[in-house]
Amino acid sequence: MTLALLSLALGLGLLYFGAEALVRASSSLALRLGLSPLVIGLTVVAFGTSSPELVVSLKAGLAGQGNISVGNVVGSNICNLGLILGLCALVTPIATTSQIVRIDIPIMIAATAFTTFLLWDGTLGRTEGVTLFALLLVYIVFSVHLARRQPADALGAEFDAEVKASQRGLSLDLLMVAGGLVLLIFGARFLVDGAVVIARAFGWSEALIGLTVIAIGTSLPELATSLVAAVKKETDIAVGNIVGSNIFNLLGILGLTAMVTPLAASGLSLTDYAVMALFALVLWPMAYHQKRITRLEGAILLAGYAAYLSWLILST
């Protein structure tokens, strides 16, 4: 058990630092290629913080642990909206005036509904994976096109201030990208292996460990990025990062993983999918109410997440 706990802790650390290096270096490379900070923020930053989920889900899927692979994505999306967005709103009310964010929230809801429909039978095949990944590409193209049409958007101003050119050389940026990927790969291995041992010791299912420990652990980059943005009052970045990451989790991670290996996730219940959809739907009126998510609403999100975790553990 001690070795499993050490493996879990080491995996979490490697995933966090690997994602941090990957996001920073990838953002710098994107700037060198002439992409605007807004486009980088909506793609590289949002998707880069989801890289731990991608590597963990791929590793679990290839090992035949579909419950962990899918549970990681479903649990991470619930964690992003319930825990992370709730904490950010408690730090400071989150403004949702950005046109980009207002459009992305309905897209996230649609992606959640469509993915839930595909997973209704507990499986996700290669054809369904290709469909999800193709939708992700459409979303990226749409986001870039919209960002270029609305360069004065409030979210764009925040990313202009946050995403800065690196003083490092090109070779160092490339080395950081490679190093970040290596850390992610080894971090995923340590995290999944340690989590599975702990789950079996406590009599937990693979689905439960994916929905809880692994989901929270792989969401650490989103937590760090969004909390820092909230403290800096860059609240559009905070909510934009979370919404973008949720879309990437559903379309990109599940899509790519299912393309590599078909997934079977019979261990997840319809309640898990319903909770994920409910959190996405609840964000809609919160985002439009007074054009911000208040501290009270943040507390409601946190309470809802705590209630879901309690239900998961007690129903084991």
C-alpha atoms as a PDB file:
ATOM      1  CA  MET A   1       0.000   0.000   0.000  1.00  0.00           C
ATOM      2  CA  THR A   2       2.869   2.387   0.830  1.00  0.00           C
ATOM      3  CA  LEU A   3       4.414   1.851  -2.598  1.00  0.00           C
ATOM      4  CA  ALA A   4       1.040   2.423  -4.220  1.00  0.00           C
ATOM      5  CA  LEU A   5       0.612   5.726  -2.357  1.00  0.00           C
ATOM      6  CA  LEU A   6       4.105   6.811  -3.376  1.00  0.00           C
ATOM      7  CA  SER A   7       3.355   5.833  -6.980  1.00  0.00           C
ATOM      8  CA  LEU A   8       0.120   7.864  -6.855  1.00  0.00           C
ATOM      9  CA  ALA A   9       1.860  10.932  -5.418  1.00  0.00           C
ATOM     10  CA  LEU A  10       4.749  10.682  -7.886  1.00  0.00           C
ATOM     11  CA  GLY A  11       2.335  10.316 -10.777  1.00  0.00           C
ATOM     12  CA  LEU A  12       0.380  13.420  -9.739  1.00  0.00           C
ATOM     13  CA  GLY A  13       3.578  15.446  -9.450  1.00  0.00           C
ATOM     14  CA  LEU A  14       4.904  14.350 -12.823  1.00  0.00           C
ATOM     15  CA  LEU A  15       1.556  15.082 -14.501  1.00  0.00           C
ATOM     16  CA  TYR A  16       1.367  18.562 -13.016  1.00  0.00           C
ATOM     17  CA  PHE A  17       4.895  19.630 -13.944  1.00  0.00           C
ATOM     18  CA  GLY A  18       4.702  17.911 -17.306  1.00  0.00           C
ATOM     19  CA  ALA A  19       1.527  19.793 -18.214  1.00  0.00           C
ATOM     20  CA  GLU A  20       3.000  23.073 -16.954  1.00  0.00           C
ATOM     21  CA  ALA A  21       6.110  22.686 -19.119  1.00  0.00           C
ATOM     22  CA  LEU A  22       4.066  21.613 -22.126  1.00  0.00           C
ATOM     23  CA  VAL A  23       1.649  24.562 -21.889  1.00  0.00           C
ATOM     24  CA  ARG A  24       4.382  27.183 -21.439  1.00  0.00           C
ATOM     25  CA  ALA A  25       6.609  25.886 -24.208  1.00  0.00           C
ATOM     26  CA  SER A  26       3.723  25.231 -26.630  1.00  0.00           C
ATOM     27  CA  SER A  27       2.373  28.755 -26.069  1.00  0.00           C
ATOM     28  CA  SER A  28       5.818  30.184 -26.814  1.00  0.00           C
ATOM     29  CA  LEU A  29       6.116  28.120 -30.000  1.00  0.00           C
ATOM     30  CA  ALA A  30       2.639  29.204 -31.089  1.00  0.00           C
ATOM     31  CA  LEU A  31       3.617  32.852 -30.663  1.00  0.00           C
ATOM     32  CA  ARG A  32       6.700  32.239 -32.789  1.00  0.00           C
ATOM     33  CA  LEU A  33       4.385  30.889 -35.491  1.00  0.00           C
ATOM     34  CA  GLY A  34       2.370  34.118 -35.434  1.00  0.00           C
ATOM     35  CA  LEU A  35      -0.768  32.940 -33.617  1.00  0.00           C
ATOM     36  CA  SER A  36      -2.502  35.561 -31.480  1.00  0.00           C
ATOM     37  CA  PRO A  37      -2.619  35.241 -27.671  1.00  0.00           C
ATOM     38  CA  LEU A  38      -6.396  34.812 -27.879  1.00  0.00           C
ATOM     39  CA  VAL A  39      -6.168  31.857 -30.253  1.00  0.00           C
ATOM     40  CA  ILE A  40      -3.398  30.357 -28.106  1.00  0.00           C
ATOM     41  CA  GLY A  41      -5.511  30.760 -24.991  1.00  0.00           C
ATOM     42  CA  LEU A  42      -8.563  29.127 -26.527  1.00  0.00           C
ATOM     43  CA  THR A  43      -6.609  26.188 -27.943  1.00  0.00           C
ATOM     44  CA  VAL A  44      -3.079  25.591 -26.618  1.00  0.00           C
ATOM     45  CA  VAL A  45      -3.700  26.650 -23.011  1.00  0.00           C
ATOM     46  CA  ALA A  46      -7.156  25.081 -22.643  1.00  0.00           C
ATOM     47  CA  PHE A  47      -6.150  21.857 -24.373  1.00  0.00           C
ATOM     48  CA  GLY A  48      -2.672  21.725 -22.843  1.00  0.00           C
ATOM     49  CA  THR A  49      -4.095  21.693 -19.336  1.00  0.00           C
ATOM     50  CA  SER A  50      -6.111  18.634 -20.396  1.00  0.00           C
ATOM     51  CA  SER A  51      -2.980  16.734 -21.467  1.00  0.00           C
ATOM     52  CA  PRO A  52      -2.854  14.677 -18.232  1.00  0.00           C
ATOM     53  CA  GLU A  53      -6.386  13.410 -18.897  1.00  0.00           C
ATOM     54  CA  LEU A  54      -5.374  12.517 -22.459  1.00  0.00           C
ATOM     55  CA  VAL A  55      -2.284  10.528 -21.484  1.00  0.00           C
ATOM     56  CA  VAL A  56      -4.004   8.790 -18.554  1.00  0.00           C
ATOM     57  CA  SER A  57      -7.060   7.828 -20.628  1.00  0.00           C
ATOM     58  CA  LEU A  58      -4.888   6.528 -23.464  1.00  0.00           C
ATOM     59  CA  LYS A  59      -2.760   4.503 -21.050  1.00  0.00           C
ATOM     60  CA  ALA A  60      -5.812   3.043 -19.321  1.00  0.00           C
ATOM     61  CA  GLY A  61      -7.581   2.333 -22.612  1.00  0.00           C
ATOM     62  CA  LEU A  62      -4.599   0.468 -24.044  1.00  0.00           C
ATOM     63  CA  ALA A  63      -4.424  -1.566 -20.821  1.00  0.00           C
ATOM     64  CA  GLY A  64      -8.056  -2.609 -21.234  1.00  0.00           C
ATOM     65  CA  GLN A  65      -9.198  -0.421 -18.320  1.00  0.00           C
ATOM     66  CA  GLY A  66     -12.033   1.342 -20.110  1.00  0.00           C
ATOM     67  CA  ASN A  67     -13.779   2.227 -16.850  1.00  0.00           C
ATOM     68  CA  ILE A  68     -10.740   4.258 -15.765  1.00  0.00           C
ATOM     69  CA  SER A  69     -10.377   5.837 -19.203  1.00  0.00           C
ATOM     70  CA  VAL A  70     -13.986   7.026 -19.462  1.00  0.00           C
ATOM     71  CA  GLY A  71     -14.357   7.613 -15.716  1.00  0.00           C
ATOM     72  CA  ASN A  72     -11.349   9.935 -15.835  1.00  0.00           C
ATOM     73  CA  VAL A  73     -13.007  12.150 -18.468  1.00  0.00           C
ATOM     74  CA  VAL A  74     -16.469  12.145 -16.876  1.00  0.00           C
ATOM     75  CA  GLY A  75     -15.030  12.738 -13.406  1.00  0.00           C
ATOM     76  CA  SER A  76     -12.678  15.479 -14.637  1.00  0.00           C
ATOM     77  CA  ASN A  77     -15.521  17.364 -16.317  1.00  0.00           C
ATOM     78  CA  ILE A  78     -17.598  17.189 -13.143  1.00  0.00           C
ATOM     79  CA  CYS A  79     -14.562  18.258 -11.091  1.00  0.00           C
ATOM     80  CA  ASN A  80     -13.820  21.181 -13.425  1.00  0.00           C
ATOM     81  CA  LEU A  81     -17.310  22.637 -13.073  1.00  0.00           C
ATOM     82  CA  GLY A  82     -18.101  21.668  -9.491  1.00  0.00           C
ATOM     83  CA  LEU A  83     -14.806  21.927  -7.642  1.00  0.00           C
ATOM     84  CA  ILE A  84     -12.578  24.217  -9.721  1.00  0.00           C
ATOM     85  CA  LEU A  85     -15.149  26.697 -11.010  1.00  0.00           C
ATOM     86  CA  GLY A  86     -16.787  26.708  -7.580  1.00  0.00           C
ATOM     87  CA  LEU A  87     -13.473  27.548  -5.880  1.00  0.00           C
ATOM     88  CA  CYS A  88     -12.676  30.247  -8.442  1.00  0.00           C
ATOM     89  CA  ALA A  89     -16.069  31.885  -7.886  1.00  0.00           C
ATOM     90  CA  LEU A  90     -15.454  31.896  -4.138  1.00  0.00           C
ATOM     91  CA  VAL A  91     -12.122  33.688  -4.707  1.00  0.00           C
ATOM     92  CA  THR A  92     -13.788  36.339  -6.856  1.00  0.00           C
ATOM     93  CA  PRO A  93     -17.092  36.530  -8.792  1.00  0.00           C
ATOM     94  CA  ILE A  94     -16.438  35.300 -12.335  1.00  0.00           C
ATOM     95  CA  ALA A  95     -17.510  37.642 -15.114  1.00  0.00           C
ATOM     96  CA  THR A  96     -19.002  35.905 -18.155  1.00  0.00           C
ATOM     97  CA  THR A  97     -19.396  38.840 -20.526  1.00  0.00           C
ATOM     98  CA  SER A  98     -17.107  37.454 -23.229  1.00  0.00           C
ATOM     99  CA  GLN A  99     -18.821  36.559 -26.487  1.00  0.00           C
ATOM    100  CA  ILE A 100     -16.437  33.667 -26.914  1.00  0.00           C
ATOM    101  CA  VAL A 101     -17.348  32.176 -23.549  1.00  0.00           C
ATOM    102  CA  ARG A 102     -21.059  32.658 -24.091  1.00  0.00           C
ATOM    103  CA  ILE A 103     -20.795  30.669 -27.304  1.00  0.00           C
ATOM    104  CA  ASP A 104     -18.540  28.004 -25.843  1.00  0.00           C
ATOM    105  CA  ILE A 105     -20.926  27.136 -22.997  1.00  0.00           C
ATOM    106  CA  PRO A 106     -23.736  25.964 -25.329  1.00  0.00           C
ATOM    107  CA  ILE A 107     -21.146  24.032 -27.348  1.00  0.00           C
ATOM    108  CA  MET A 108     -19.984  22.330 -24.142  1.00  0.00           C
ATOM    109  CA  ILE A 109     -23.579  21.417 -23.294  1.00  0.00           C
ATOM    110  CA  ALA A 110     -24.134  19.995 -26.786  1.00  0.00           C
ATOM    111  CA  ALA A 111     -20.872  18.022 -26.628  1.00  0.00           C
ATOM    112  CA  THR A 112     -21.877  16.655 -23.217  1.00  0.00           C
ATOM    113  CA  ALA A 113     -25.292  15.551 -24.477  1.00  0.00           C
ATOM    114  CA  PHE A 114     -23.895  13.948 -27.634  1.00  0.00           C
ATOM    115  CA  THR A 115     -21.110  12.089 -25.826  1.00  0.00           C
ATOM    116  CA  THR A 116     -23.559  10.860 -23.175  1.00  0.00           C
ATOM    117  CA  PHE A 117     -25.779   9.536 -25.974  1.00  0.00           C
ATOM    118  CA  LEU A 118     -22.836   7.642 -27.510  1.00  0.00           C
ATOM    119  CA  LEU A 119     -21.852   6.168 -24.138  1.00  0.00           C
ATOM    120  CA  TRP A 120     -25.407   5.185 -23.218  1.00  0.00           C
ATOM    121  CA  ASP A 121     -24.681   1.508 -23.971  1.00  0.00           C
ATOM    122  CA  GLY A 122     -21.404   1.564 -22.009  1.00  0.00           C
ATOM    123  CA  THR A 123     -19.154   1.355 -25.068  1.00  0.00           C
ATOM    124  CA  LEU A 124     -17.391   3.728 -27.454  1.00  0.00           C
ATOM    125  CA  GLY A 125     -16.180   2.326 -30.765  1.00  0.00           C
ATOM    126  CA  ARG A 126     -13.644   3.562 -33.287  1.00  0.00           C
ATOM    127  CA  THR A 127     -16.261   5.079 -35.600  1.00  0.00           C
ATOM    128  CA  GLU A 128     -17.732   7.023 -32.685  1.00  0.00           C
ATOM    129  CA  GLY A 129     -14.226   8.111 -31.722  1.00  0.00           C
ATOM    130  CA  VAL A 130     -13.581   9.427 -35.223  1.00  0.00           C
ATOM    131  CA  THR A 131     -16.869  11.345 -35.068  1.00  0.00           C
ATOM    132  CA  LEU A 132     -15.972  12.982 -31.746  1.00  0.00           C
ATOM    133  CA  PHE A 133     -12.467  13.908 -32.903  1.00  0.00           C
ATOM    134  CA  ALA A 134     -13.814  15.366 -36.157  1.00  0.00           C
ATOM    135  CA  LEU A 135     -16.194  17.548 -34.131  1.00  0.00           C
ATOM    136  CA  LEU A 136     -13.212  18.763 -32.088  1.00  0.00           C
ATOM    137  CA  LEU A 137     -11.446  19.874 -35.271  1.00  0.00           C
ATOM    138  CA  VAL A 138     -14.580  21.736 -36.360  1.00  0.00           C
ATOM    139  CA  TYR A 139     -14.713  23.433 -32.946  1.00  0.00           C
ATOM    140  CA  ILE A 140     -11.059  24.515 -33.171  1.00  0.00           C
ATOM    141  CA  VAL A 141     -11.518  25.989 -36.643  1.00  0.00           C
ATOM    142  CA  PHE A 142     -14.677  27.774 -35.492  1.00  0.00           C
ATOM    143  CA  SER A 143     -12.941  29.188 -32.381  1.00  0.00           C
ATOM    144  CA  VAL A 144      -9.973  30.485 -34.369  1.00  0.00           C
ATOM    145  CA  HIS A 145     -12.250  32.033 -37.000  1.00  0.00           C
ATOM    146  CA  LEU A 146     -14.414  33.713 -34.353  1.00  0.00           C
ATOM    147  CA  ALA A 147     -11.373  34.968 -32.439  1.00  0.00           C
ATOM    148  CA  ARG A 148      -9.962  36.648 -35.549  1.00  0.00           C
ATOM    149  CA  ARG A 149     -13.302  38.308 -36.272  1.00  0.00           C
ATOM    150  CA  GLN A 150     -13.549  39.703 -32.724  1.00  0.00           C
ATOM    151  CA  PRO A 151     -10.019  40.728 -31.697  1.00  0.00           C
ATOM    152  CA  ALA A 152     -11.349  43.341 -29.253  1.00  0.00           C
ATOM    153  CA  ASP A 153     -13.193  40.775 -27.145  1.00  0.00           C
ATOM    154  CA  ALA A 154     -12.619  41.016 -23.386  1.00  0.00           C
ATOM    155  CA  LEU A 155     -11.213  37.505 -23.324  1.00  0.00           C
ATOM    156  CA  GLY A 156      -8.729  38.508 -26.004  1.00  0.00           C
ATOM    157  CA  ALA A 157      -7.499  41.438 -23.904  1.00  0.00           C
ATOM    158  CA  GLU A 158      -6.901  39.128 -20.958  1.00  0.00           C
ATOM    159  CA  PHE A 159      -4.941  36.635 -23.027  1.00  0.00           C
ATOM    160  CA  ASP A 160      -2.907  39.476 -24.579  1.00  0.00           C
ATOM    161  CA  ALA A 161      -1.761  40.357 -21.069  1.00  0.00           C
ATOM    162  CA  GLU A 162      -1.254  36.765 -19.926  1.00  0.00           C
ATOM    163  CA  VAL A 163       0.373  35.055 -22.933  1.00  0.00           C
ATOM    164  CA  LYS A 164       3.767  36.651 -23.458  1.00  0.00           C
ATOM    165  CA  ALA A 165       6.666  35.859 -25.729  1.00  0.00           C
ATOM    166  CA  SER A 166       9.312  33.648 -24.149  1.00  0.00           C
ATOM    167  CA  GLN A 167      12.873  34.834 -23.663  1.00  0.00           C
ATOM    168  CA  ARG A 168      14.057  31.258 -24.195  1.00  0.00           C
ATOM    169  CA  GLY A 169      15.593  30.057 -27.429  1.00  0.00           C
ATOM    170  CA  LEU A 170      13.714  27.855 -29.884  1.00  0.00           C
ATOM    171  CA  SER A 171      15.754  24.782 -28.995  1.00  0.00           C
ATOM    172  CA  LEU A 172      14.909  25.161 -25.295  1.00  0.00           C
ATOM    173  CA  ASP A 173      11.196  25.479 -26.071  1.00  0.00           C
ATOM    174  CA  LEU A 174      11.344  22.290 -28.144  1.00  0.00           C
ATOM    175  CA  LEU A 175      13.242  20.557 -25.343  1.00  0.00           C
ATOM    176  CA  MET A 176      10.560  21.644 -22.836  1.00  0.00           C
ATOM    177  CA  VAL A 177       7.804  20.247 -25.055  1.00  0.00           C
ATOM    178  CA  ALA A 178       9.614  16.910 -25.307  1.00  0.00           C
ATOM    179  CA  GLY A 179      10.378  16.896 -21.589  1.00  0.00           C
ATOM    180  CA  GLY A 180       6.789  17.747 -20.722  1.00  0.00           C
ATOM    181  CA  LEU A 181       5.512  14.854 -22.811  1.00  0.00           C
ATOM    182  CA  VAL A 182       7.954  12.450 -21.154  1.00  0.00           C
ATOM    183  CA  LEU A 183       6.825  13.587 -17.691  1.00  0.00           C
ATOM    184  CA  LEU A 184       3.191  13.130 -18.708  1.00  0.00           C
ATOM    185  CA  ILE A 185       3.784   9.601 -19.985  1.00  0.00           C
ATOM    186  CA  PHE A 186       5.598   8.443 -16.868  1.00  0.00           C
ATOM    187  CA  GLY A 187       3.202  10.366 -14.615  1.00  0.00           C
ATOM    188  CA  ALA A 188       0.224   8.602 -16.188  1.00  0.00           C
ATOM    189  CA  ARG A 189       1.851   5.229 -15.648  1.00  0.00           C
ATOM    190  CA  PHE A 190       2.612   5.854 -11.967  1.00  0.00           C
ATOM    191  CA  LEU A 191      -0.797   7.415 -11.307  1.00  0.00           C
ATOM    192  CA  VAL A 192      -2.893   4.676 -12.906  1.00  0.00           C
ATOM    193  CA  ASP A 193      -0.836   1.808 -11.480  1.00  0.00           C
ATOM    194  CA  GLY A 194      -0.908   3.259  -7.958  1.00  0.00           C
ATOM    195  CA  ALA A 195      -4.598   4.131  -8.152  1.00  0.00           C
ATOM    196  CA  VAL A 196      -5.579   0.629  -9.282  1.00  0.00           C
ATOM    197  CA  VAL A 197      -3.713  -0.983  -6.375  1.00  0.00           C
ATOM    198  CA  ILE A 198      -5.346   1.391  -3.879  1.00  0.00           C
ATOM    199  CA  ALA A 199      -8.784   0.838  -5.408  1.00  0.00           C
ATOM    200  CA  ARG A 200      -8.486  -2.906  -5.074  1.00  0.00           C
ATOM    201  CA  ALA A 201      -7.239  -2.612  -1.484  1.00  0.00           C
ATOM    202  CA  PHE A 202     -10.321  -0.607  -0.496  1.00  0.00           C
ATOM    203  CA  GLY A 203     -12.663  -2.683  -2.609  1.00  0.00           C
ATOM    204  CA  TRP A 204     -13.307   0.224  -4.986  1.00  0.00           C
ATOM    205  CA  SER A 205     -14.142  -0.371  -8.615  1.00  0.00           C
ATOM    206  CA  GLU A 206     -11.984   0.948 -11.445  1.00  0.00           C
ATOM    207  CA  ALA A 207     -14.847   3.250 -12.422  1.00  0.00           C
ATOM    208  CA  LEU A 208     -14.934   4.785  -8.937  1.00  0.00           C
ATOM    209  CA  ILE A 209     -11.187   5.382  -8.817  1.00  0.00           C
ATOM    210  CA  GLY A 210     -11.360   6.963 -12.276  1.00  0.00           C
ATOM    211  CA  LEU A 211     -14.223   9.235 -11.270  1.00  0.00           C
ATOM    212  CA  THR A 212     -12.518  10.391  -8.053  1.00  0.00           C
ATOM    213  CA  VAL A 213      -8.777  10.133  -7.403  1.00  0.00           C
ATOM    214  CA  ILE A 214      -7.612  10.050 -11.019  1.00  0.00           C
ATOM    215  CA  ALA A 215     -10.145  12.659 -12.175  1.00  0.00           C
ATOM    216  CA  ILE A 216      -9.159  15.125  -9.450  1.00  0.00           C
ATOM    217  CA  GLY A 217      -5.454  14.437  -9.960  1.00  0.00           C
ATOM    218  CA  THR A 218      -5.510  14.994 -13.714  1.00  0.00           C
ATOM    219  CA  SER A 219      -7.505  18.216 -13.185  1.00  0.00           C
ATOM    220  CA  LEU A 220      -4.663  19.842 -11.208  1.00  0.00           C
ATOM    221  CA  PRO A 221      -3.436  21.900 -14.225  1.00  0.00           C
ATOM    222  CA  GLU A 222      -6.937  23.314 -14.752  1.00  0.00           C
ATOM    223  CA  LEU A 223      -7.135  24.068 -11.019  1.00  0.00           C
ATOM    224  CA  ALA A 224      -3.808  25.917 -10.993  1.00  0.00           C
ATOM    225  CA  THR A 225      -4.441  27.856 -14.211  1.00  0.00           C
ATOM    226  CA  SER A 226      -7.977  28.893 -13.286  1.00  0.00           C
ATOM    227  CA  LEU A 227      -7.215  29.837  -9.662  1.00  0.00           C
ATOM    228  CA  VAL A 228      -4.262  31.995 -10.719  1.00  0.00           C
ATOM    229  CA  ALA A 229      -6.459  33.685 -13.318  1.00  0.00           C
ATOM    230  CA  ALA A 230      -9.180  34.270 -10.708  1.00  0.00           C
ATOM    231  CA  VAL A 231      -6.707  35.802  -8.238  1.00  0.00           C
ATOM    232  CA  LYS A 232      -5.463  38.115 -11.012  1.00  0.00           C
ATOM    233  CA  LYS A 233      -9.103  39.048 -11.778  1.00  0.00           C
ATOM    234  CA  GLU A 234      -8.700  37.527 -15.257  1.00  0.00           C
ATOM    235  CA  THR A 235     -12.008  35.744 -14.811  1.00  0.00           C
ATOM    236  CA  ASP A 236     -12.722  35.211 -18.507  1.00  0.00           C
ATOM    237  CA  ILE A 237      -9.556  33.115 -18.673  1.00  0.00           C
ATOM    238  CA  ALA A 238     -10.684  31.129 -15.627  1.00  0.00           C
ATOM    239  CA  VAL A 239     -14.048  30.110 -17.071  1.00  0.00           C
ATOM    240  CA  GLY A 240     -12.755  29.923 -20.661  1.00  0.00           C
ATOM    241  CA  ASN A 241     -10.020  27.488 -19.634  1.00  0.00           C
ATOM    242  CA  ILE A 242     -12.501  25.229 -17.844  1.00  0.00           C
ATOM    243  CA  VAL A 243     -15.121  25.242 -20.605  1.00  0.00           C
ATOM    244  CA  GLY A 244     -12.482  24.695 -23.293  1.00  0.00           C
ATOM    245  CA  SER A 245     -10.921  21.849 -21.324  1.00  0.00           C
ATOM    246  CA  ASN A 246     -14.302  20.141 -20.872  1.00  0.00           C
ATOM    247  CA  ILE A 247     -14.963  20.296 -24.602  1.00  0.00           C
ATOM    248  CA  PHE A 248     -11.510  18.872 -25.324  1.00  0.00           C
ATOM    249  CA  ASN A 249     -11.988  16.110 -22.727  1.00  0.00           C
ATOM    250  CA  LEU A 250     -15.189  14.921 -24.390  1.00  0.00           C
ATOM    251  CA  LEU A 251     -14.364  15.342 -28.060  1.00  0.00           C
ATOM    252  CA  GLY A 252     -10.582  15.080 -28.080  1.00  0.00           C
ATOM    253  CA  ILE A 253      -9.632  12.665 -25.320  1.00  0.00           C
ATOM    254  CA  LEU A 254     -12.513  10.210 -25.668  1.00  0.00           C
ATOM    255  CA  GLY A 255     -12.398  10.589 -29.441  1.00  0.00           C
ATOM    256  CA  LEU A 256      -8.669   9.932 -29.777  1.00  0.00           C
ATOM    257  CA  THR A 257      -8.648   7.140 -27.191  1.00  0.00           C
ATOM    258  CA  ALA A 258     -11.571   5.342 -28.851  1.00  0.00           C
ATOM    259  CA  MET A 259      -9.844   5.718 -32.228  1.00  0.00           C
ATOM    260  CA  VAL A 260      -6.777   3.942 -30.811  1.00  0.00           C
ATOM    261  CA  THR A 261      -8.717   1.279 -28.903  1.00  0.00           C
ATOM    262  CA  PRO A 262     -12.487   0.741 -28.478  1.00  0.00           C
ATOM    263  CA  LEU A 263     -13.616   1.492 -24.922  1.00  0.00           C
ATOM    264  CA  ALA A 264     -15.930  -0.510 -22.661  1.00  0.00           C
ATOM    265  CA  ALA A 265     -17.114   1.368 -19.577  1.00  0.00           C
ATOM    266  CA  SER A 266     -19.941  -0.686 -18.125  1.00  0.00           C
ATOM    267  CA  GLY A 267     -18.832   0.262 -14.595  1.00  0.00           C
ATOM    268  CA  LEU A 268     -20.131   3.814 -14.934  1.00  0.00           C
ATOM    269  CA  SER A 269     -23.791   4.379 -14.113  1.00  0.00           C
ATOM    270  CA  LEU A 270     -26.310   6.583 -15.873  1.00  0.00           C
ATOM    271  CA  THR A 271     -26.199   8.747 -12.751  1.00  0.00           C
ATOM    272  CA  ASP A 272     -22.555   9.646 -13.469  1.00  0.00           C
ATOM    273  CA  TYR A 273     -23.432  10.830 -16.969  1.00  0.00           C
ATOM    274  CA  ALA A 274     -26.517  12.633 -15.668  1.00  0.00           C
ATOM    275  CA  VAL A 275     -24.464  14.521 -13.057  1.00  0.00           C
ATOM    276  CA  MET A 276     -21.950  15.573 -15.724  1.00  0.00           C
ATOM    277  CA  ALA A 277     -24.806  16.848 -17.900  1.00  0.00           C
ATOM    278  CA  LEU A 278     -26.501  18.558 -14.938  1.00  0.00           C
ATOM    279  CA  PHE A 279     -23.384  20.545 -14.033  1.00  0.00           C
ATOM    280  CA  ALA A 280     -23.029  21.665 -17.656  1.00  0.00           C
ATOM    281  CA  LEU A 281     -26.698  22.727 -17.787  1.00  0.00           C
ATOM    282  CA  VAL A 282     -26.567  24.538 -14.434  1.00  0.00           C
ATOM    283  CA  LEU A 283     -23.661  26.649 -15.695  1.00  0.00           C
ATOM    284  CA  TRP A 284     -25.940  28.125 -18.401  1.00  0.00           C
ATOM    285  CA  PRO A 285     -28.246  30.202 -16.144  1.00  0.00           C
ATOM    286  CA  MET A 286     -25.363  31.010 -13.793  1.00  0.00           C
ATOM    287  CA  ALA A 287     -23.290  32.426 -16.648  1.00  0.00           C
ATOM    288  CA  TYR A 288     -26.131  34.627 -17.841  1.00  0.00           C
ATOM    289  CA  HIS A 289     -27.417  35.708 -14.426  1.00  0.00           C
ATOM    290  CA  GLN A 290     -26.047  39.226 -13.892  1.00  0.00           C
ATOM    291  CA  LYS A 291     -23.347  38.278 -16.436  1.00  0.00           C
ATOM    292  CA  ARG A 292     -21.256  36.616 -13.735  1.00  0.00           C
ATOM    293  CA  ILE A 293     -21.006  33.594 -11.460  1.00  0.00           C
ATOM    294  CA  THR A 294     -21.365  34.873  -7.902  1.00  0.00           C
ATOM    295  CA  ARG A 295     -19.766  33.572  -4.702  1.00  0.00           C
ATOM    296  CA  LEU A 296     -23.107  32.077  -3.674  1.00  0.00           C
ATOM    297  CA  GLU A 297     -23.343  30.216  -6.962  1.00  0.00           C
ATOM    298  CA  GLY A 298     -19.740  29.059  -6.483  1.00  0.00           C
ATOM    299  CA  ALA A 299     -20.722  27.660  -3.088  1.00  0.00           C
ATOM    300  CA  ILE A 300     -23.675  25.867  -4.719  1.00  0.00           C
ATOM    301  CA  LEU A 301     -21.336  24.276  -7.282  1.00  0.00           C
ATOM    302  CA  LEU A 302     -18.976  23.144  -4.511  1.00  0.00           C
ATOM    303  CA  ALA A 303     -21.851  21.738  -2.447  1.00  0.00           C
ATOM    304  CA  GLY A 304     -23.128  19.847  -5.477  1.00  0.00           C
ATOM    305  CA  TYR A 305     -19.684  18.356  -6.095  1.00  0.00           C
ATOM    306  CA  ALA A 306     -19.321  17.363  -2.436  1.00  0.00           C
ATOM    307  CA  ALA A 307     -22.759  15.702  -2.552  1.00  0.00           C
ATOM    308  CA  TYR A 308     -21.795  13.760  -5.698  1.00  0.00           C
ATOM    309  CA  LEU A 309     -18.522  12.533  -4.146  1.00  0.00           C
ATOM    310  CA  SER A 310     -20.356  11.483  -1.001  1.00  0.00           C
ATOM    311  CA  TRP A 311     -22.893   9.550  -3.041  1.00  0.00           C
ATOM    312  CA  LEU A 312     -20.120   7.823  -5.003  1.00  0.00           C
ATOM    313  CA  ILE A 313     -18.265   6.667  -1.910  1.00  0.00           C
ATOM    314  CA  LEU A 314     -21.328   5.702   0.140  1.00  0.00           C
ATOM    315  CA  SER A 315     -22.845   3.713  -2.722  1.00  0.00           C
ATOM    316  CA  THR A 316     -19.705   1.610  -3.131  1.00  0.00           C
END
